[in-house]
């Protein structure tokens, strides 16, 4: 497969909000959009998106993972960006329709069909820096993706950043492109200076998230991650992993985690750490860079609990385990 998210299905589902209402969605070519150069999104970043997946089971049926939660989060992002309110039923139907349209193109596991709903303000008004867009486009792109770990699991190296934040605190729970853009330069600097894969943002010593994923620490049978607030993204994969961990009898602790505690726990031989997200589910973290020193987490390799949790979630997604949580929407 090509690099993740670089190949797209030739058509998308799209609808427009104008004159105070959503227009009937349609399926159209996915190779371009027509936007006025003064579109609100291009100047004032009135844009948000989601990322979820559809999976093909052994019997040929196709299932979308946690559709309701992604729609709920997109409605929240749109509201916090003062974009027109997204109709939940409308968006669900758009996603279902376009996935059904390309049902035969959904890859078999460990591949999947990545789904990218996107909402952008389109009103041509460059004088509205302090006013919301009254016109918008809502569209759903599809991208077939392969096995994220096709080249093997390589534990990541994270640079701990205690001075900066991934984004403005009140923007953290919004899945907006601007948040990813604000983290890009620190990530590039970490790669150039320390050969780090990502930056773990820990403002004032509070362990939060990386530029594109939630951070999870596993110490024995305890899973530790930051408690939800408005400063960081409420990951749906994160929620799924925590739910599975509880179901397996593990202790799940959502609370403030300091850098000092993280470094202390990291040096235990059985400690594990991972990043959770839609693309990889759980990616192991092998080491941390702090104050010019490299600290190995556990034995520096992917740990058994990380493997167990990722496999458990994959088995539900792939139809190899009963969906006892009601996470799958059948197409």
Protein backbone atom coordinates (compact mmCIF):
# COMPACT_ATOMS: atom_id res chain seq x y z
CA UNK A 1 0.00 0.00 0.00
CA UNK A 2 1.02 3.62 -0.53
CA UNK A 3 1.80 5.88 2.43
CA UNK A 4 -1.10 6.18 4.85
CA UNK A 5 -3.77 8.58 3.62
CA UNK A 6 -2.26 9.32 0.19
CA UNK A 7 -4.65 7.25 -1.94
CA UNK A 8 -8.31 8.26 -2.20
CA UNK A 9 -11.47 6.80 -3.63
CA UNK A 10 -12.51 8.75 -6.76
CA UNK A 11 -15.77 10.01 -5.25
CA UNK A 12 -16.90 11.56 -1.98
CA UNK A 13 -20.15 12.48 -0.26
CA UNK A 14 -20.68 16.24 0.05
CA UNK A 15 -23.31 18.73 1.21
CA UNK A 16 -23.49 22.51 1.58
CA UNK A 17 -24.87 24.70 4.36
CA UNK A 18 -26.29 28.00 3.13
CA UNK A 19 -29.42 30.08 3.60
CA UNK A 20 -29.73 28.64 7.09
CA UNK A 21 -30.04 24.98 6.09
CA UNK A 22 -28.21 21.87 4.92
CA UNK A 23 -28.85 20.91 1.32
CA UNK A 24 -29.35 17.28 0.23
CA UNK A 25 -25.97 15.51 0.06
CA UNK A 26 -24.66 14.08 -3.19
CA UNK A 27 -21.84 11.84 -4.32
CA UNK A 28 -19.39 13.70 -6.53
CA UNK A 29 -15.81 13.58 -7.79
CA UNK A 30 -13.26 13.71 -4.99
CA UNK A 31 -10.39 15.29 -6.88
CA UNK A 32 -11.22 18.96 -6.27
CA UNK A 33 -13.32 21.58 -4.48
CA UNK A 34 -14.47 24.95 -5.74
CA UNK A 35 -13.76 27.63 -3.11
CA UNK A 36 -13.67 31.40 -3.21
CA UNK A 37 -10.15 32.63 -2.34
CA UNK A 38 -11.75 34.62 0.47
CA UNK A 39 -13.35 31.55 2.06
CA UNK A 40 -13.48 31.82 5.84
CA UNK A 41 -11.60 28.53 6.38
CA UNK A 42 -8.61 29.71 4.32
CA UNK A 43 -8.14 32.84 6.42
CA UNK A 44 -9.53 32.10 9.88
CA UNK A 45 -9.11 28.31 10.18
CA UNK A 46 -12.80 27.46 10.54
CA UNK A 47 -12.19 23.81 9.77
CA UNK A 48 -12.39 20.49 11.61
CA UNK A 49 -12.35 16.81 10.71
CA UNK A 50 -12.66 13.26 11.98
CA UNK A 51 -10.83 10.01 11.34
CA UNK A 52 -12.47 6.60 11.60
CA UNK A 53 -12.33 3.25 9.81
CA UNK A 54 -14.49 0.66 8.10
CA UNK A 55 -13.42 -2.99 8.28
CA UNK A 56 -14.26 -6.01 6.13
CA UNK A 57 -15.01 -9.22 8.02
CA UNK A 58 -14.35 -12.75 6.84
CA UNK A 59 -17.96 -13.14 5.61
CA UNK A 60 -17.58 -10.09 3.37
CA UNK A 61 -19.68 -7.77 5.53
CA UNK A 62 -18.40 -4.24 6.22
CA UNK A 63 -18.52 -2.51 9.60
CA UNK A 64 -17.68 1.05 10.70
CA UNK A 65 -15.94 1.35 14.07
CA UNK A 66 -17.47 3.74 16.65
CA UNK A 67 -19.36 5.82 14.11
CA UNK A 68 -21.55 7.46 16.74
CA UNK A 69 -18.63 8.74 18.80
CA UNK A 70 -16.87 10.26 15.81
CA UNK A 71 -20.05 12.05 14.78
CA UNK A 72 -20.52 13.29 18.35
CA UNK A 73 -16.97 14.66 18.43
CA UNK A 74 -17.33 16.32 15.03
CA UNK A 75 -20.50 18.05 16.18
CA UNK A 76 -18.60 19.24 19.24
CA UNK A 77 -15.65 20.50 17.17
CA UNK A 78 -17.97 22.35 14.80
CA UNK A 79 -19.79 23.96 17.71
CA UNK A 80 -16.58 25.08 19.42
CA UNK A 81 -15.34 26.56 16.12
CA UNK A 82 -18.70 28.37 15.65
CA UNK A 83 -19.32 26.53 12.38
CA UNK A 84 -22.91 25.72 11.36
CA UNK A 85 -24.33 22.93 13.50
CA UNK A 86 -23.78 19.50 11.98
CA UNK A 87 -26.90 17.36 11.76
CA UNK A 88 -25.98 13.97 13.25
CA UNK A 89 -28.39 11.94 11.12
CA UNK A 90 -27.27 13.72 7.98
CA UNK A 91 -23.58 13.05 8.63
CA UNK A 92 -24.24 9.42 9.56
CA UNK A 93 -26.13 8.88 6.32
CA UNK A 94 -23.35 10.54 4.31
CA UNK A 95 -20.72 8.28 5.86
CA UNK A 96 -22.81 5.13 5.46
CA UNK A 97 -23.73 5.98 1.87
CA UNK A 98 -20.17 6.61 0.66
CA UNK A 99 -18.79 3.53 2.43
CA UNK A 100 -21.60 1.45 0.94
CA UNK A 101 -20.82 2.99 -2.46
CA UNK A 102 -17.26 1.63 -2.22
CA UNK A 103 -18.06 -1.44 -0.14
CA UNK A 104 -16.22 -3.75 -2.54
CA UNK A 105 -13.07 -1.62 -2.23
CA UNK A 106 -12.73 -1.97 1.55
CA UNK A 107 -9.44 -3.86 2.15
CA UNK A 108 -9.36 -7.05 4.18
CA UNK A 109 -7.63 -6.99 7.61
CA UNK A 110 -5.16 -5.80 8.63
CA UNK A 111 -6.11 -3.21 6.01
CA UNK A 112 -9.18 -1.00 6.28
CA UNK A 113 -11.01 1.93 4.70
CA UNK A 114 -10.04 5.17 6.43
CA UNK A 115 -12.91 7.67 6.56
CA UNK A 116 -12.26 11.43 6.76
CA UNK A 117 -15.35 13.63 7.35
CA UNK A 118 -14.38 17.29 7.00
CA UNK A 119 -16.24 20.53 7.76
CA UNK A 120 -15.00 23.88 6.45
CA UNK A 121 -16.35 27.44 6.57
CA UNK A 122 -16.79 28.66 2.99
CA UNK A 123 -18.36 32.11 3.33
CA UNK A 124 -16.28 34.58 1.25
CA UNK A 125 -15.78 37.27 3.89
CA UNK A 126 -12.26 38.27 4.89
CA UNK A 127 -13.67 40.92 7.20
CA UNK A 128 -15.10 38.28 9.54
CA UNK A 129 -12.04 37.52 11.67
CA UNK A 130 -14.19 37.88 14.78
CA UNK A 131 -17.40 36.45 13.32
CA UNK A 132 -18.34 32.88 12.35
CA UNK A 133 -18.88 31.60 8.83
CA UNK A 134 -22.54 31.33 7.86
CA UNK A 135 -21.81 29.04 4.90
CA UNK A 136 -19.92 25.74 4.99
CA UNK A 137 -19.15 22.50 3.22
CA UNK A 138 -19.33 19.06 4.83
CA UNK A 139 -17.74 16.20 2.90
CA UNK A 140 -16.55 12.64 3.49
CA UNK A 141 -13.37 11.30 1.86
CA UNK A 142 -12.36 7.63 1.78
CA UNK A 143 -8.80 6.31 1.71
CA UNK A 144 -7.94 2.58 1.60
CA UNK A 145 -5.06 1.84 3.96
CA UNK A 146 -2.90 -1.21 4.58
CA UNK A 147 -1.20 -2.73 7.59
CA UNK A 148 0.25 0.08 9.73
CA UNK A 149 2.87 -2.33 11.10
CA UNK A 150 3.76 -3.96 7.79
CA UNK A 151 7.42 -3.16 8.40
CA UNK A 152 7.30 -4.46 11.97
CA UNK A 153 6.66 -2.65 15.24
CA UNK A 154 9.38 -0.13 16.01
CA UNK A 155 9.17 1.45 19.46
CA UNK A 156 9.08 5.24 19.22
CA UNK A 157 11.37 7.81 20.81
CA UNK A 158 9.62 10.84 22.33
CA UNK A 159 11.09 14.18 23.33
CA UNK A 160 9.54 15.51 26.52
CA UNK A 161 8.60 19.19 26.09
CA UNK A 162 7.74 20.98 29.33
CA UNK A 163 7.70 24.58 28.06
CA UNK A 164 5.28 24.52 25.14
CA UNK A 165 1.85 23.06 24.45
CA UNK A 166 0.47 21.26 21.42
CA UNK A 167 -2.12 24.02 21.01
CA UNK A 168 -4.00 26.69 22.92
CA UNK A 169 -5.57 25.09 26.03
CA UNK A 170 -9.15 25.96 25.12
CA UNK A 171 -8.67 24.42 21.65
CA UNK A 172 -7.30 21.04 22.74
CA UNK A 173 -10.51 19.03 22.52
CA UNK A 174 -11.26 20.29 19.00
CA UNK A 175 -10.04 18.10 16.15
CA UNK A 176 -8.90 20.99 14.00
CA UNK A 177 -6.07 21.29 11.50
CA UNK A 178 -4.71 24.35 13.30
CA UNK A 179 -3.82 22.23 16.33
CA UNK A 180 -1.71 19.90 14.21
CA UNK A 181 -0.07 22.85 12.48
CA UNK A 182 0.92 24.43 15.81
CA UNK A 183 2.72 21.22 16.84
CA UNK A 184 4.56 20.74 13.56
CA UNK A 185 7.61 22.95 14.16
CA UNK A 186 8.39 21.46 17.61
CA UNK A 187 8.12 17.97 16.08
CA UNK A 188 10.44 18.88 13.21
CA UNK A 189 12.97 20.39 15.62
CA UNK A 190 12.84 17.28 17.81
CA UNK A 191 13.52 15.09 14.80
CA UNK A 192 16.42 17.23 13.61
CA UNK A 193 18.06 17.71 17.01
CA UNK A 194 17.34 14.43 18.80
CA UNK A 195 16.21 12.00 16.10
CA UNK A 196 12.92 11.81 18.03
CA UNK A 197 9.78 10.46 16.40
CA UNK A 198 7.38 12.73 18.25
CA UNK A 199 7.10 15.34 21.00
CA UNK A 200 5.31 14.52 24.25
CA UNK A 201 3.85 17.84 25.33
CA UNK A 202 4.01 18.25 29.13
CA UNK A 203 3.34 21.92 29.93
CA UNK A 204 4.57 22.76 33.43
CA UNK A 205 5.39 19.08 33.94
CA UNK A 206 1.84 17.81 33.21
CA UNK A 207 2.00 14.83 30.80
CA UNK A 208 -0.63 15.44 28.10
CA UNK A 209 -0.33 14.13 24.52
CA UNK A 210 1.92 14.06 21.47
CA UNK A 211 1.38 16.02 18.29
CA UNK A 212 -1.02 13.42 16.88
CA UNK A 213 -1.90 10.83 19.55
CA UNK A 214 -2.84 10.25 23.18
CA UNK A 215 -0.21 8.90 25.59
CA UNK A 216 -0.79 5.83 27.76
CA UNK A 217 1.50 4.45 30.47
CA UNK A 218 1.17 0.81 31.56
CA UNK A 219 2.76 -0.12 34.89
CA UNK A 220 2.08 -3.77 35.65
CA UNK A 221 -1.71 -4.13 35.68
CA UNK A 222 -2.34 -0.38 35.92
CA UNK A 223 -3.07 1.81 32.91
CA UNK A 224 -2.41 5.49 33.58
CA UNK A 225 -3.41 8.39 31.34
CA UNK A 226 -4.35 12.01 31.77
CA UNK A 227 -7.91 12.74 32.87
CA UNK A 228 -10.08 14.45 30.28
CA UNK A 229 -10.20 18.23 30.13
CA UNK A 230 -10.41 20.83 27.37
CA UNK A 231 -6.64 21.05 26.83
CA UNK A 232 -6.16 17.86 24.80
CA UNK A 233 -7.99 15.63 22.34
CA UNK A 234 -10.53 13.15 23.71
CA UNK A 235 -9.34 10.19 21.66
CA UNK A 236 -11.90 7.57 20.70
CA UNK A 237 -9.19 4.92 20.42
CA UNK A 238 -8.01 6.00 23.87
CA UNK A 239 -11.51 5.45 25.24
CA UNK A 240 -11.72 2.06 23.52
CA UNK A 241 -8.38 0.89 24.95
CA UNK A 242 -9.32 2.01 28.47
CA UNK A 243 -12.66 0.21 28.18
CA UNK A 244 -10.93 -3.01 27.11
CA UNK A 245 -8.34 -2.70 29.87
CA UNK A 246 -11.11 -2.44 32.48
CA UNK A 247 -12.89 -5.40 30.91
CA UNK A 248 -9.70 -7.44 31.25
CA UNK A 249 -9.49 -6.66 34.96
CA UNK A 250 -6.74 -4.06 34.70
CA UNK A 251 -6.84 -0.93 36.85
CA UNK A 252 -7.47 2.20 34.77
CA UNK A 253 -6.39 5.49 36.33
CA UNK A 254 -7.28 8.77 34.62
CA UNK A 255 -5.49 11.53 36.49
CA UNK A 256 -2.72 14.08 36.38
CA UNK A 257 0.61 12.42 35.59
CA UNK A 258 3.76 14.44 36.22
CA UNK A 259 6.98 14.14 34.24
CA UNK A 260 8.81 13.16 37.43
CA UNK A 261 6.42 10.29 38.08
CA UNK A 262 6.55 9.23 34.43
CA UNK A 263 10.35 9.04 34.48
CA UNK A 264 10.36 7.15 37.77
CA UNK A 265 7.84 4.56 36.60
CA UNK A 266 9.43 4.29 33.14
CA UNK A 267 12.59 2.76 34.58
CA UNK A 268 10.79 -0.26 36.06
CA UNK A 269 11.60 -3.36 33.97
CA UNK A 270 7.94 -4.22 33.32
CA UNK A 271 6.69 -0.71 32.46
CA UNK A 272 5.26 -0.05 29.00
CA UNK A 273 4.12 3.06 27.16
CA UNK A 274 2.16 3.56 23.97
CA UNK A 275 0.46 6.13 21.77
CA UNK A 276 -3.19 5.53 20.88
CA UNK A 277 -4.84 6.67 17.68
CA UNK A 278 -6.99 5.60 14.74
CA UNK A 279 -4.12 4.76 12.39
CA UNK A 280 -2.18 2.28 14.54
CA UNK A 281 -4.48 1.65 17.53
CA UNK A 282 -1.48 1.38 19.88
CA UNK A 283 2.10 2.18 18.92
CA UNK A 284 4.78 1.22 21.47
CA UNK A 285 7.04 3.90 22.98
CA UNK A 286 10.53 2.65 23.80
CA UNK A 287 12.34 5.70 25.13
CA UNK A 288 12.00 9.28 26.34
CA UNK A 289 14.42 12.18 25.95
CA UNK A 290 14.51 14.57 28.90
CA UNK A 291 17.16 17.17 29.78
CA UNK A 292 19.50 15.81 27.11
CA UNK A 293 19.27 12.28 28.53
CA UNK A 294 17.59 9.23 27.02
CA UNK A 295 15.49 7.15 29.41
CA UNK A 296 14.52 3.66 28.29
CA UNK A 297 10.96 2.60 29.11
CA UNK A 298 10.96 -0.93 30.53
CA UNK A 299 13.16 -3.00 28.25
CA UNK A 300 12.79 -0.56 25.37
CA UNK A 301 10.65 -2.94 23.32
CA UNK A 302 6.94 -3.40 22.76
CA UNK A 303 5.48 -4.90 25.91
CA UNK A 304 2.98 -7.76 26.28
CA UNK A 305 0.15 -5.58 27.62
CA UNK A 306 0.43 -3.22 24.65
CA UNK A 307 0.26 -6.19 22.31
CA UNK A 308 -2.67 -7.68 24.21
CA UNK A 309 -4.73 -4.48 24.18
CA UNK A 310 -4.06 -3.73 20.51
CA UNK A 311 -4.89 -7.28 19.52
CA UNK A 312 -8.12 -7.23 21.53
CA UNK A 313 -9.29 -4.06 19.78
CA UNK A 314 -8.25 -5.37 16.36
CA UNK A 315 -10.15 -8.60 16.95
CA UNK A 316 -13.37 -6.63 17.53
CA UNK A 317 -12.72 -4.44 14.49
CA UNK A 318 -11.92 -7.45 12.30
CA UNK A 319 -14.87 -9.56 13.47
CA UNK A 320 -12.72 -12.12 15.27
CA UNK A 321 -14.19 -11.33 18.70
CA UNK A 322 -17.75 -10.58 19.79
CA UNK A 323 -18.58 -6.87 19.76
CA UNK A 324 -19.92 -6.82 23.32
CA UNK A 325 -19.68 -3.01 23.49
CA UNK A 326 -21.80 -2.22 20.44
CA UNK A 327 -18.97 -0.42 18.68
CA UNK A 328 -19.59 -1.64 15.12
CA UNK A 329 -22.12 -0.25 12.64
CA UNK A 330 -22.90 -2.79 9.92
CA UNK A 331 -23.16 -1.45 6.36
